[in-house]
């Protein structure tokens, strides 16, 4: 099973990129974030024509998450009450015995912005749901644009990022709390230091490799035992009119 996570930054704008990527890579599961479309406007034929089931939680203009799977999905849940303030940022489903939580976590903007407190509250609600509804002993994956770079080598310049949103101590603590509950950062061991998943459109960030690793796979021990690799499809970020995120994959073997 190969699982992909990709913040597509508008499925409407990136429809051709997504279709071509599915044709080339053919993942078992594709978790998408930032669809920026209401459910009834999502181009579902991209997925149905390629043999994918699709579960969506869309929103006009902003946010939106979806899971496309070649295998049937059950126990689908949309929304994170008490954390998402009605925004479409959370969907989970069970696929072949593995429960996958696909998230588009708030970015937070700046530490003195009210959106930063919203981000922290979202993580608290996520932690509460994980502790209430799931167990570290089950097959569990949390993936998506988590909007936190947890380590120094996950940002292009530590000095410039110190105290900046997505790299503050309190955000790292929220990330670590999920790990302490019983999850592992499954991608990190397979990536060289300074392997990034996001490059801002501004300031020529992609050509300068001024990026961040903020897209992740956090997995339970039983899933970790199956992991055979993880790769950032950086070439997708370099395409014309690309998303500002590159897809990342997790290979669980057969």
Protein backbone atom coordinates (compact mmCIF):
# COMPACT_ATOMS: atom_id res chain seq x y z
CA UNK A 1 0.00 0.00 0.00
CA UNK A 2 1.41 3.37 -1.03
CA UNK A 3 -0.16 6.40 0.64
CA UNK A 4 0.36 9.95 -0.65
CA UNK A 5 -0.31 13.20 1.18
CA UNK A 6 -0.50 16.38 -0.89
CA UNK A 7 -1.63 19.91 -0.16
CA UNK A 8 -2.79 20.69 -3.69
CA UNK A 9 -3.56 24.36 -2.96
CA UNK A 10 -6.75 24.38 -5.07
CA UNK A 11 -7.90 21.21 -6.74
CA UNK A 12 -9.53 23.28 -9.48
CA UNK A 13 -6.24 24.99 -10.32
CA UNK A 14 -4.21 21.80 -9.94
CA UNK A 15 -6.63 19.28 -11.50
CA UNK A 16 -4.34 18.43 -14.41
CA UNK A 17 -1.35 18.05 -12.11
CA UNK A 18 -3.29 15.68 -9.85
CA UNK A 19 -4.57 13.61 -12.77
CA UNK A 20 -1.10 13.29 -14.30
CA UNK A 21 0.40 12.40 -10.92
CA UNK A 22 -2.15 9.61 -10.41
CA UNK A 23 -1.34 8.26 -13.85
CA UNK A 24 2.40 8.24 -13.15
CA UNK A 25 2.49 7.10 -9.53
CA UNK A 26 -0.84 5.26 -9.06
CA UNK A 27 -0.89 5.35 -5.25
CA UNK A 28 -3.30 3.20 -3.30
CA UNK A 29 -4.44 6.21 -1.29
CA UNK A 30 -4.19 9.94 -1.96
CA UNK A 31 -4.90 12.32 0.94
CA UNK A 32 -5.42 15.88 -0.28
CA UNK A 33 -5.61 19.16 1.57
CA UNK A 34 -6.62 22.71 0.69
CA UNK A 35 -9.10 21.74 -2.02
CA UNK A 36 -10.71 25.19 -1.96
CA UNK A 37 -13.91 23.73 -3.44
CA UNK A 38 -17.35 22.85 -2.17
CA UNK A 39 -18.15 19.15 -2.38
CA UNK A 40 -20.50 19.48 -5.35
CA UNK A 41 -17.86 21.34 -7.36
CA UNK A 42 -15.07 18.80 -6.87
CA UNK A 43 -14.04 17.20 -10.21
CA UNK A 44 -14.79 13.66 -9.06
CA UNK A 45 -14.20 12.20 -12.53
CA UNK A 46 -10.44 12.64 -12.00
CA UNK A 47 -10.69 9.87 -9.44
CA UNK A 48 -13.58 7.71 -10.63
CA UNK A 49 -12.08 7.34 -14.11
CA UNK A 50 -8.92 5.95 -12.50
CA UNK A 51 -10.69 3.51 -10.22
CA UNK A 52 -10.66 5.50 -6.98
CA UNK A 53 -13.34 5.80 -4.34
CA UNK A 54 -13.55 9.38 -3.05
CA UNK A 55 -14.59 10.88 0.28
CA UNK A 56 -14.58 14.67 0.60
CA UNK A 57 -15.11 17.44 3.10
CA UNK A 58 -15.01 20.55 0.96
CA UNK A 59 -15.38 24.25 1.57
CA UNK A 60 -15.81 27.22 -0.71
CA UNK A 61 -12.65 29.27 -1.38
CA UNK A 62 -10.66 27.95 1.59
CA UNK A 63 -9.58 24.71 3.25
CA UNK A 64 -11.13 21.38 2.21
CA UNK A 65 -9.79 17.84 2.60
CA UNK A 66 -10.40 14.58 0.74
CA UNK A 67 -9.26 10.97 0.58
CA UNK A 68 -9.13 9.01 -2.68
CA UNK A 69 -8.59 5.27 -2.37
CA UNK A 70 -8.43 2.28 -4.69
CA UNK A 71 -9.74 0.24 -1.76
CA UNK A 72 -13.16 0.75 -0.15
CA UNK A 73 -13.39 3.19 2.74
CA UNK A 74 -15.47 2.74 5.88
CA UNK A 75 -16.10 4.60 9.15
CA UNK A 76 -15.69 7.99 7.47
CA UNK A 77 -15.79 10.98 9.83
CA UNK A 78 -15.72 14.62 8.81
CA UNK A 79 -14.92 17.58 11.03
CA UNK A 80 -13.22 18.19 14.37
CA UNK A 81 -15.80 19.67 16.76
CA UNK A 82 -14.27 22.01 19.28
CA UNK A 83 -11.21 22.51 17.10
CA UNK A 84 -11.99 23.46 13.52
CA UNK A 85 -14.56 26.25 14.12
CA UNK A 86 -16.66 24.85 11.30
CA UNK A 87 -13.84 24.87 8.75
CA UNK A 88 -13.21 21.81 6.57
CA UNK A 89 -9.87 20.65 7.92
CA UNK A 90 -10.40 17.06 9.09
CA UNK A 91 -11.53 13.79 7.54
CA UNK A 92 -10.73 10.23 8.55
CA UNK A 93 -11.52 6.84 7.13
CA UNK A 94 -10.62 3.19 7.60
CA UNK A 95 -8.92 1.56 4.61
CA UNK A 96 -7.91 -2.11 4.68
CA UNK A 97 -7.79 -2.08 8.48
CA UNK A 98 -5.77 1.15 8.72
CA UNK A 99 -7.43 4.29 10.05
CA UNK A 100 -6.09 7.38 8.27
CA UNK A 101 -6.63 10.88 9.66
CA UNK A 102 -6.13 13.46 6.90
CA UNK A 103 -5.61 16.98 8.23
CA UNK A 104 -5.15 20.50 7.03
CA UNK A 105 -4.03 22.12 10.26
CA UNK A 106 -4.28 25.90 10.65
CA UNK A 107 -1.14 27.81 9.77
CA UNK A 108 -1.50 30.39 12.52
CA UNK A 109 -0.07 33.38 10.62
CA UNK A 110 1.90 34.91 13.51
CA UNK A 111 2.25 34.30 17.24
CA UNK A 112 0.46 37.57 18.05
CA UNK A 113 -2.41 36.80 15.67
CA UNK A 114 -5.70 35.29 16.95
CA UNK A 115 -5.27 32.58 14.31
CA UNK A 116 -2.30 31.28 16.29
CA UNK A 117 -4.51 30.53 19.29
CA UNK A 118 -6.94 28.86 16.89
CA UNK A 119 -4.10 26.64 15.71
CA UNK A 120 -3.17 25.65 19.24
CA UNK A 121 -6.82 24.92 20.02
CA UNK A 122 -7.09 22.77 16.90
CA UNK A 123 -4.16 20.68 18.11
CA UNK A 124 -5.72 20.35 21.57
CA UNK A 125 -8.97 19.12 20.01
CA UNK A 126 -7.03 16.71 17.81
CA UNK A 127 -5.18 15.34 20.82
CA UNK A 128 -8.46 14.90 22.69
CA UNK A 129 -10.01 12.99 19.80
CA UNK A 130 -6.97 10.78 19.37
CA UNK A 131 -6.91 9.91 23.06
CA UNK A 132 -10.68 9.31 23.20
CA UNK A 133 -11.38 7.49 19.95
CA UNK A 134 -8.16 5.66 19.09
CA UNK A 135 -5.46 3.49 20.62
CA UNK A 136 -1.69 3.32 20.02
CA UNK A 137 -2.16 -0.42 19.58
CA UNK A 138 -4.27 -0.07 16.43
CA UNK A 139 -3.18 0.60 12.84
CA UNK A 140 -3.31 4.39 12.78
CA UNK A 141 -1.89 7.12 10.55
CA UNK A 142 -2.12 10.89 10.98
CA UNK A 143 -1.10 12.68 7.83
CA UNK A 144 -1.50 15.92 5.95
CA UNK A 145 -0.30 19.49 6.09
CA UNK A 146 0.33 19.67 9.83
CA UNK A 147 1.94 23.12 9.52
CA UNK A 148 4.65 22.39 12.09
CA UNK A 149 8.36 21.91 11.38
CA UNK A 150 9.40 19.94 14.48
CA UNK A 151 13.20 19.84 14.10
CA UNK A 152 16.00 22.28 13.34
CA UNK A 153 16.84 20.49 10.09
CA UNK A 154 13.20 20.81 8.99
CA UNK A 155 13.67 24.51 8.18
CA UNK A 156 16.07 26.17 5.79
CA UNK A 157 17.36 28.69 8.33
CA UNK A 158 16.95 28.18 12.08
CA UNK A 159 17.97 31.74 12.97
CA UNK A 160 15.41 33.27 10.63
CA UNK A 161 12.68 30.88 11.74
CA UNK A 162 13.18 31.13 15.52
CA UNK A 163 9.96 32.41 17.04
CA UNK A 164 8.17 32.29 13.70
CA UNK A 165 4.85 30.50 13.34
CA UNK A 166 5.22 26.78 12.51
CA UNK A 167 8.56 26.66 14.34
CA UNK A 168 7.75 27.92 17.84
CA UNK A 169 8.40 25.88 20.97
CA UNK A 170 4.73 25.57 21.86
CA UNK A 171 3.87 24.19 18.42
CA UNK A 172 6.70 21.68 18.66
CA UNK A 173 5.31 20.64 22.03
CA UNK A 174 1.90 19.95 20.47
CA UNK A 175 3.60 17.81 17.81
CA UNK A 176 5.66 15.97 20.41
CA UNK A 177 2.56 15.29 22.51
CA UNK A 178 1.15 13.22 19.64
CA UNK A 179 4.41 11.30 19.43
CA UNK A 180 4.45 10.74 23.17
CA UNK A 181 0.93 9.30 22.99
CA UNK A 182 2.27 6.50 20.80
CA UNK A 183 3.08 7.70 17.30
CA UNK A 184 6.30 7.95 15.29
CA UNK A 185 7.44 10.41 12.63
CA UNK A 186 7.59 7.75 9.91
CA UNK A 187 9.06 9.87 7.09
CA UNK A 188 12.01 11.36 8.94
CA UNK A 189 14.31 8.28 8.93
CA UNK A 190 14.07 8.07 5.14
CA UNK A 191 14.85 11.71 4.42
CA UNK A 192 18.14 13.56 4.32
CA UNK A 193 18.43 16.60 6.60
CA UNK A 194 16.94 19.70 4.99
CA UNK A 195 14.43 17.67 3.00
CA UNK A 196 11.47 20.01 2.66
CA UNK A 197 7.84 19.65 1.58
CA UNK A 198 6.79 23.31 1.28
CA UNK A 199 8.32 26.34 -0.43
CA UNK A 200 6.54 29.70 -0.37
CA UNK A 201 5.71 31.27 -3.71
CA UNK A 202 7.31 34.50 -2.55
CA UNK A 203 10.95 35.55 -2.49
CA UNK A 204 12.08 32.92 -4.98
CA UNK A 205 11.92 30.30 -2.22
CA UNK A 206 11.81 27.18 -4.36
CA UNK A 207 14.88 27.92 -6.51
CA UNK A 208 16.76 28.90 -3.32
CA UNK A 209 15.50 25.77 -1.51
CA UNK A 210 14.23 27.99 1.28
CA UNK A 211 11.64 25.51 2.47
CA UNK A 212 10.12 23.72 5.45
CA UNK A 213 9.12 20.15 6.27
CA UNK A 214 5.56 20.62 7.46
CA UNK A 215 3.78 17.68 5.76
CA UNK A 216 4.05 14.48 7.76
CA UNK A 217 3.11 10.88 8.42
CA UNK A 218 2.70 10.08 12.11
CA UNK A 219 2.04 6.37 12.61
CA UNK A 220 1.42 3.81 15.32
CA UNK A 221 3.96 1.08 16.03
CA UNK A 222 2.10 -1.59 14.04
CA UNK A 223 2.13 0.64 10.96
CA UNK A 224 5.75 1.67 11.54
CA UNK A 225 6.74 -2.00 11.37
CA UNK A 226 5.36 -2.11 7.82
CA UNK A 227 7.04 1.05 6.51
CA UNK A 228 9.46 0.38 3.65
CA UNK A 229 10.21 3.96 2.69
CA UNK A 230 9.07 7.55 2.39
CA UNK A 231 9.80 9.98 -0.41
CA UNK A 232 9.12 13.63 -1.22
CA UNK A 233 8.07 14.06 -4.85
CA UNK A 234 9.91 17.35 -5.11
CA UNK A 235 9.68 17.47 -8.91
CA UNK A 236 5.97 18.29 -8.59
CA UNK A 237 6.78 21.58 -6.87
CA UNK A 238 8.93 22.61 -9.83
CA UNK A 239 6.19 22.24 -12.43
CA UNK A 240 4.52 25.22 -14.03
CA UNK A 241 1.66 26.57 -11.91
CA UNK A 242 2.41 24.01 -9.20
CA UNK A 243 1.15 23.84 -5.65
CA UNK A 244 3.53 25.33 -3.08
CA UNK A 245 3.68 21.85 -1.48
CA UNK A 246 5.22 18.69 -2.87
CA UNK A 247 3.48 15.32 -2.41
CA UNK A 248 5.00 12.96 0.14
CA UNK A 249 4.52 9.21 0.17
CA UNK A 250 4.61 6.38 2.67
CA UNK A 251 5.25 2.88 1.36
CA UNK A 252 3.72 0.15 3.50
CA UNK A 253 4.59 -2.67 1.13
CA UNK A 254 1.96 -5.20 0.18
